[in-house]
Amino acid sequence: MAKVKEQGCRQMGYRCFNGLNCYKLYLQSEKFVDAKRICEEDGAHLAIINSDKEANALVRVYHPCYVPGQAWPRLGFGDFFEKGEYRTIF
């Protein structure tokens, strides 16, 4: 799931939320590094949840596309270097 500042993002398929950023859900399944690259090619980055308000916005983007048993969206955090130790991409 990509996150980008609001300026000019609507024409790129992003949903904007007042007081937050804009978000886009890519429906194809990708490895983490590929999902990160795709977002960066849009001038965005993988979404990082910084507040309850932002989490609720992401749910609104993801929920209409949710299919039980399918892959979850990639977000901008993970246990990249040590299992169980989660860090953001920044």
C-alpha atoms as a PDB file:
ATOM      1  CA  MET A   1       0.000   0.000   0.000  1.00  0.00           C
ATOM      2  CA  ALA A   2       1.549   3.299  -1.109  1.00  0.00           C
ATOM      3  CA  LYS A   3       1.484   6.645   0.671  1.00  0.00           C
ATOM      4  CA  VAL A   4       2.104   9.994  -1.048  1.00  0.00           C
ATOM      5  CA  LYS A   5       1.543  13.675  -0.243  1.00  0.00           C
ATOM      6  CA  GLU A   6      -1.776  15.041  -1.548  1.00  0.00           C
ATOM      7  CA  GLN A   7      -0.377  17.300  -4.271  1.00  0.00           C
ATOM      8  CA  GLY A   8      -1.587  15.904  -7.634  1.00  0.00           C
ATOM      9  CA  CYS A   9      -2.165  12.353  -6.423  1.00  0.00           C
ATOM     10  CA  ARG A  10      -5.803  11.828  -7.448  1.00  0.00           C
ATOM     11  CA  GLN A  11      -5.010  11.277 -11.123  1.00  0.00           C
ATOM     12  CA  MET A  12      -2.569   8.511 -10.134  1.00  0.00           C
ATOM     13  CA  GLY A  13      -5.317   6.397  -8.492  1.00  0.00           C
ATOM     14  CA  TYR A  14      -4.709   7.511  -4.893  1.00  0.00           C
ATOM     15  CA  ARG A  15      -7.440   8.208  -2.320  1.00  0.00           C
ATOM     16  CA  CYS A  16      -6.842  11.352  -0.297  1.00  0.00           C
ATOM     17  CA  PHE A  17      -7.900  11.899   3.310  1.00  0.00           C
ATOM     18  CA  ASN A  18      -8.124  15.380   4.859  1.00  0.00           C
ATOM     19  CA  GLY A  19      -5.360  16.016   7.338  1.00  0.00           C
ATOM     20  CA  LEU A  20      -3.472  12.919   6.222  1.00  0.00           C
ATOM     21  CA  ASN A  21      -1.785  11.797   3.044  1.00  0.00           C
ATOM     22  CA  CYS A  22      -3.057   9.906   0.007  1.00  0.00           C
ATOM     23  CA  TYR A  23      -3.052   6.132  -0.286  1.00  0.00           C
ATOM     24  CA  LYS A  24      -3.194   3.604  -3.103  1.00  0.00           C
ATOM     25  CA  LEU A  25      -3.729  -0.136  -2.880  1.00  0.00           C
ATOM     26  CA  TYR A  26      -1.987  -2.175  -5.560  1.00  0.00           C
ATOM     27  CA  LEU A  27      -3.869  -5.406  -6.191  1.00  0.00           C
ATOM     28  CA  GLN A  28      -0.992  -7.483  -7.569  1.00  0.00           C
ATOM     29  CA  SER A  29       1.002  -9.495  -5.035  1.00  0.00           C
ATOM     30  CA  GLU A  30       4.672  -8.482  -4.817  1.00  0.00           C
ATOM     31  CA  LYS A  31       7.694  -9.290  -2.687  1.00  0.00           C
ATOM     32  CA  PHE A  32       8.514  -6.562  -0.163  1.00  0.00           C
ATOM     33  CA  VAL A  33      11.452  -5.121  -2.140  1.00  0.00           C
ATOM     34  CA  ASP A  34       9.367  -5.026  -5.335  1.00  0.00           C
ATOM     35  CA  ALA A  35       6.401  -3.385  -3.573  1.00  0.00           C
ATOM     36  CA  LYS A  36       8.786  -0.773  -2.137  1.00  0.00           C
ATOM     37  CA  ARG A  37      10.238  -0.066  -5.597  1.00  0.00           C
ATOM     38  CA  ILE A  38       6.792   0.247  -7.224  1.00  0.00           C
ATOM     39  CA  CYS A  39       5.738   2.810  -4.628  1.00  0.00           C
ATOM     40  CA  GLU A  40       8.969   4.748  -5.092  1.00  0.00           C
ATOM     41  CA  GLU A  41       8.397   4.834  -8.868  1.00  0.00           C
ATOM     42  CA  ASP A  42       5.115   6.662  -8.104  1.00  0.00           C
ATOM     43  CA  GLY A  43       7.011   9.162  -5.937  1.00  0.00           C
ATOM     44  CA  ALA A  44       5.532   7.528  -2.849  1.00  0.00           C
ATOM     45  CA  HIS A  45       6.591   5.032  -0.185  1.00  0.00           C
ATOM     46  CA  LEU A  46       5.055   2.050   1.542  1.00  0.00           C
ATOM     47  CA  ALA A  47       2.514   3.216   4.113  1.00  0.00           C
ATOM     48  CA  ILE A  48       3.623   3.509   7.723  1.00  0.00           C
ATOM     49  CA  ILE A  49       0.858   3.769  10.317  1.00  0.00           C
ATOM     50  CA  ASN A  50       1.579   6.690  12.664  1.00  0.00           C
ATOM     51  CA  SER A  51      -1.822   7.186  14.316  1.00  0.00           C
ATOM     52  CA  ASP A  52      -5.272   5.697  14.833  1.00  0.00           C
ATOM     53  CA  LYS A  53      -6.605   8.202  12.282  1.00  0.00           C
ATOM     54  CA  GLU A  54      -4.137   6.941   9.690  1.00  0.00           C
ATOM     55  CA  ALA A  55      -4.904   3.297  10.526  1.00  0.00           C
ATOM     56  CA  ASN A  56      -8.612   3.974   9.964  1.00  0.00           C
ATOM     57  CA  ALA A  57      -7.859   5.621   6.599  1.00  0.00           C
ATOM     58  CA  LEU A  58      -5.874   2.564   5.506  1.00  0.00           C
ATOM     59  CA  VAL A  59      -8.729   0.272   6.530  1.00  0.00           C
ATOM     60  CA  ARG A  60     -11.081   2.361   4.361  1.00  0.00           C
ATOM     61  CA  VAL A  61      -8.751   1.907   1.381  1.00  0.00           C
ATOM     62  CA  TYR A  62      -8.162  -1.826   1.936  1.00  0.00           C
ATOM     63  CA  HIS A  63     -11.543  -3.098   3.166  1.00  0.00           C
ATOM     64  CA  PRO A  64     -13.471  -2.919  -0.164  1.00  0.00           C
ATOM     65  CA  CYS A  65     -10.798  -5.118  -1.794  1.00  0.00           C
ATOM     66  CA  TYR A  66     -10.376  -7.624   1.048  1.00  0.00           C
ATOM     67  CA  VAL A  67     -10.767 -11.274   0.073  1.00  0.00           C
ATOM     68  CA  PRO A  68     -10.327 -13.868   2.859  1.00  0.00           C
ATOM     69  CA  GLY A  69      -7.278 -16.033   2.310  1.00  0.00           C
ATOM     70  CA  GLN A  70      -5.477 -13.595   0.016  1.00  0.00           C
ATOM     71  CA  ALA A  71      -2.238 -11.791   0.811  1.00  0.00           C
ATOM     72  CA  TRP A  72      -2.274  -8.760   3.106  1.00  0.00           C
ATOM     73  CA  PRO A  73      -0.948  -5.443   1.790  1.00  0.00           C
ATOM     74  CA  ARG A  74       2.719  -4.607   2.282  1.00  0.00           C
ATOM     75  CA  LEU A  75       3.343  -1.793   4.729  1.00  0.00           C
ATOM     76  CA  GLY A  76       6.525   0.135   5.432  1.00  0.00           C
ATOM     77  CA  PHE A  77       7.664  -1.808   8.472  1.00  0.00           C
ATOM     78  CA  GLY A  78       8.902  -5.274   9.216  1.00  0.00           C
ATOM     79  CA  ASP A  79      11.469  -7.388  11.023  1.00  0.00           C
ATOM     80  CA  PHE A  80      14.040  -6.924   8.244  1.00  0.00           C
ATOM     81  CA  PHE A  81      17.227  -7.426  10.245  1.00  0.00           C
ATOM     82  CA  GLU A  82      16.222  -9.459  13.283  1.00  0.00           C
ATOM     83  CA  LYS A  83      13.158 -11.677  13.682  1.00  0.00           C
ATOM     84  CA  GLY A  84      10.653 -10.082  16.027  1.00  0.00           C
ATOM     85  CA  GLU A  85      12.367  -6.661  16.022  1.00  0.00           C
ATOM     86  CA  TYR A  86      10.171  -4.430  13.872  1.00  0.00           C
ATOM     87  CA  ARG A  87      11.424  -1.228  12.229  1.00  0.00           C
ATOM     88  CA  THR A  88      10.042   1.199   9.674  1.00  0.00           C
ATOM     89  CA  ILE A  89      11.615   1.772   6.265  1.00  0.00           C
ATOM     90  CA  PHE A  90      12.922   5.163   7.443  1.00  0.00           C
END
